[in-house]
Amino acid sequence: MSLLIKFDQSKLGTPVTRKCDPEKLVEGDPTYSTWAFDDARNGEVITGIWEATPGSNHSIKGEKFEFCHLLEGVVELTEQGQEPRIFRKGDSFMMKPGYVGIWKTIETVRKIYVIVG
């Protein structure tokens, strides 16, 4: 097995699809699709591509770091106690451990993610 992984969107295959957990749902009826690429170090590092349809949910990172790079779409993130921030296709951002806020998908979003923790 190669230790070099290309995030090739043309060869994603079938995603794992689910709805937002009712206790996290804020607004709408978002659907989430995940193409997991790697789960290294017994789950300490998780990578893949994730997609969400419009809607809002509570986002709580706990003890994990999450790096995101948006491939498509528009989201509004509102960290607890902060002003909303808009991120669009091409933007990258990180949510640090302890992050609590609202993730609002305005236009269907697709992101590369790396979760460490």
Protein backbone atom coordinates (compact mmCIF):
# COMPACT_ATOMS: atom_id res chain seq x y z
CA MET A 1 0.00 0.00 0.00
CA SER A 2 1.30 3.44 -0.96
CA LEU A 3 1.89 6.06 1.70
CA LEU A 4 1.01 8.79 -0.83
CA ILE A 5 -2.74 9.39 -1.23
CA LYS A 6 -4.25 11.58 -3.96
CA PHE A 7 -7.63 13.15 -3.17
CA ASP A 8 -9.09 12.35 -6.61
CA GLN A 9 -12.71 13.52 -6.84
CA SER A 10 -13.26 11.62 -10.09
CA LYS A 11 -12.69 8.29 -8.27
CA LEU A 12 -14.57 8.75 -5.02
CA GLY A 13 -16.93 5.81 -5.26
CA THR A 14 -20.01 5.53 -3.08
CA PRO A 15 -20.16 7.75 0.01
CA VAL A 16 -21.54 6.98 3.43
CA THR A 17 -24.67 9.15 3.60
CA ARG A 18 -26.62 10.21 6.67
CA LYS A 19 -28.93 12.89 8.05
CA CYS A 20 -28.06 15.37 10.78
CA ASP A 21 -28.43 13.99 14.31
CA PRO A 22 -31.71 15.45 15.69
CA GLU A 23 -29.97 16.81 18.81
CA LYS A 24 -27.53 18.80 16.62
CA LEU A 25 -30.07 20.08 14.05
CA VAL A 26 -30.76 23.82 14.13
CA GLU A 27 -32.58 24.39 10.82
CA GLY A 28 -33.46 22.60 7.58
CA ASP A 29 -32.92 18.95 6.66
CA PRO A 30 -29.25 18.62 5.65
CA THR A 31 -27.83 15.41 4.22
CA TYR A 32 -24.16 14.56 4.77
CA SER A 33 -22.03 12.41 2.45
CA THR A 34 -18.57 11.23 3.49
CA TRP A 35 -15.80 9.65 1.46
CA ALA A 36 -13.27 8.56 4.10
CA PHE A 37 -9.71 8.17 2.79
CA ASP A 38 -7.69 7.29 5.81
CA ASP A 39 -7.97 6.55 9.49
CA ALA A 40 -4.40 6.59 10.78
CA ARG A 41 -2.93 6.08 14.23
CA ASN A 42 -5.99 4.24 15.54
CA GLY A 43 -8.35 7.09 14.67
CA GLU A 44 -6.11 9.94 15.86
CA VAL A 45 -5.89 11.28 12.26
CA ILE A 46 -8.91 11.05 9.93
CA THR A 47 -8.98 12.36 6.34
CA GLY A 48 -11.47 12.47 3.48
CA ILE A 49 -14.02 14.48 1.55
CA TRP A 50 -17.33 15.53 3.09
CA GLU A 51 -20.40 17.11 1.50
CA ALA A 52 -23.46 18.74 3.06
CA THR A 53 -26.71 20.08 1.63
CA PRO A 54 -28.20 23.35 3.00
CA GLY A 55 -29.17 23.53 6.65
CA SER A 56 -27.73 24.43 10.05
CA ASN A 57 -26.33 22.34 12.88
CA HIS A 58 -24.43 22.68 16.13
CA SER A 59 -20.70 22.08 15.64
CA ILE A 60 -18.69 20.94 18.66
CA LYS A 61 -15.05 19.90 18.20
CA GLY A 62 -14.32 18.59 21.70
CA GLU A 63 -10.61 17.70 21.87
CA LYS A 64 -10.08 17.53 18.09
CA PHE A 65 -8.48 19.87 15.55
CA GLU A 66 -10.22 20.00 12.17
CA PHE A 67 -8.63 21.52 9.07
CA CYS A 68 -11.02 22.16 6.13
CA HIS A 69 -10.47 23.23 2.53
CA LEU A 70 -13.67 24.04 0.62
CA LEU A 71 -13.87 22.53 -2.86
CA GLU A 72 -17.41 23.79 -3.52
CA GLY A 73 -20.15 25.83 -1.88
CA VAL A 74 -20.66 28.49 0.78
CA VAL A 75 -20.91 28.12 4.56
CA GLU A 76 -21.42 30.49 7.46
CA LEU A 77 -19.68 29.56 10.71
CA THR A 78 -20.67 31.29 13.92
CA GLU A 79 -18.37 30.53 16.81
CA GLN A 80 -20.07 30.87 20.19
CA GLY A 81 -19.72 34.52 21.30
CA GLN A 82 -18.33 35.66 17.92
CA GLU A 83 -19.68 37.24 14.73
CA PRO A 84 -20.63 34.95 11.80
CA ARG A 85 -17.92 34.31 9.20
CA ILE A 86 -18.50 33.28 5.57
CA PHE A 87 -16.25 30.75 3.80
CA ARG A 88 -16.44 29.95 0.08
CA LYS A 89 -14.94 27.60 -2.49
CA GLY A 90 -11.14 27.85 -2.26
CA ASP A 91 -11.09 28.96 1.39
CA SER A 92 -9.30 26.99 4.10
CA PHE A 93 -9.81 27.19 7.85
CA MET A 94 -9.22 25.29 11.08
CA MET A 95 -11.46 24.71 14.07
CA LYS A 96 -9.38 24.16 17.21
CA PRO A 97 -10.17 21.95 20.21
CA GLY A 98 -12.96 23.47 22.26
CA TYR A 99 -14.64 25.10 19.24
CA VAL A 100 -18.41 25.39 19.72
CA GLY A 101 -20.67 27.07 17.19
CA ILE A 102 -23.21 26.82 14.39
CA TRP A 103 -22.32 25.43 10.94
CA LYS A 104 -24.76 26.80 8.34
CA THR A 105 -24.50 25.40 4.82
CA ILE A 106 -25.80 28.13 2.50
CA GLU A 107 -24.93 26.40 -0.80
CA THR A 108 -24.15 22.68 -0.94
CA VAL A 109 -20.59 22.41 0.32
CA ARG A 110 -17.85 19.90 -0.36
CA LYS A 111 -14.65 19.96 1.66
CA ILE A 112 -11.42 18.10 2.21
CA TYR A 113 -11.01 17.50 5.92
CA VAL A 114 -8.21 16.44 8.23
CA ILE A 115 -9.20 15.70 11.83
CA VAL A 116 -6.51 15.25 14.47
CA GLY A 117 -7.08 14.45 18.09
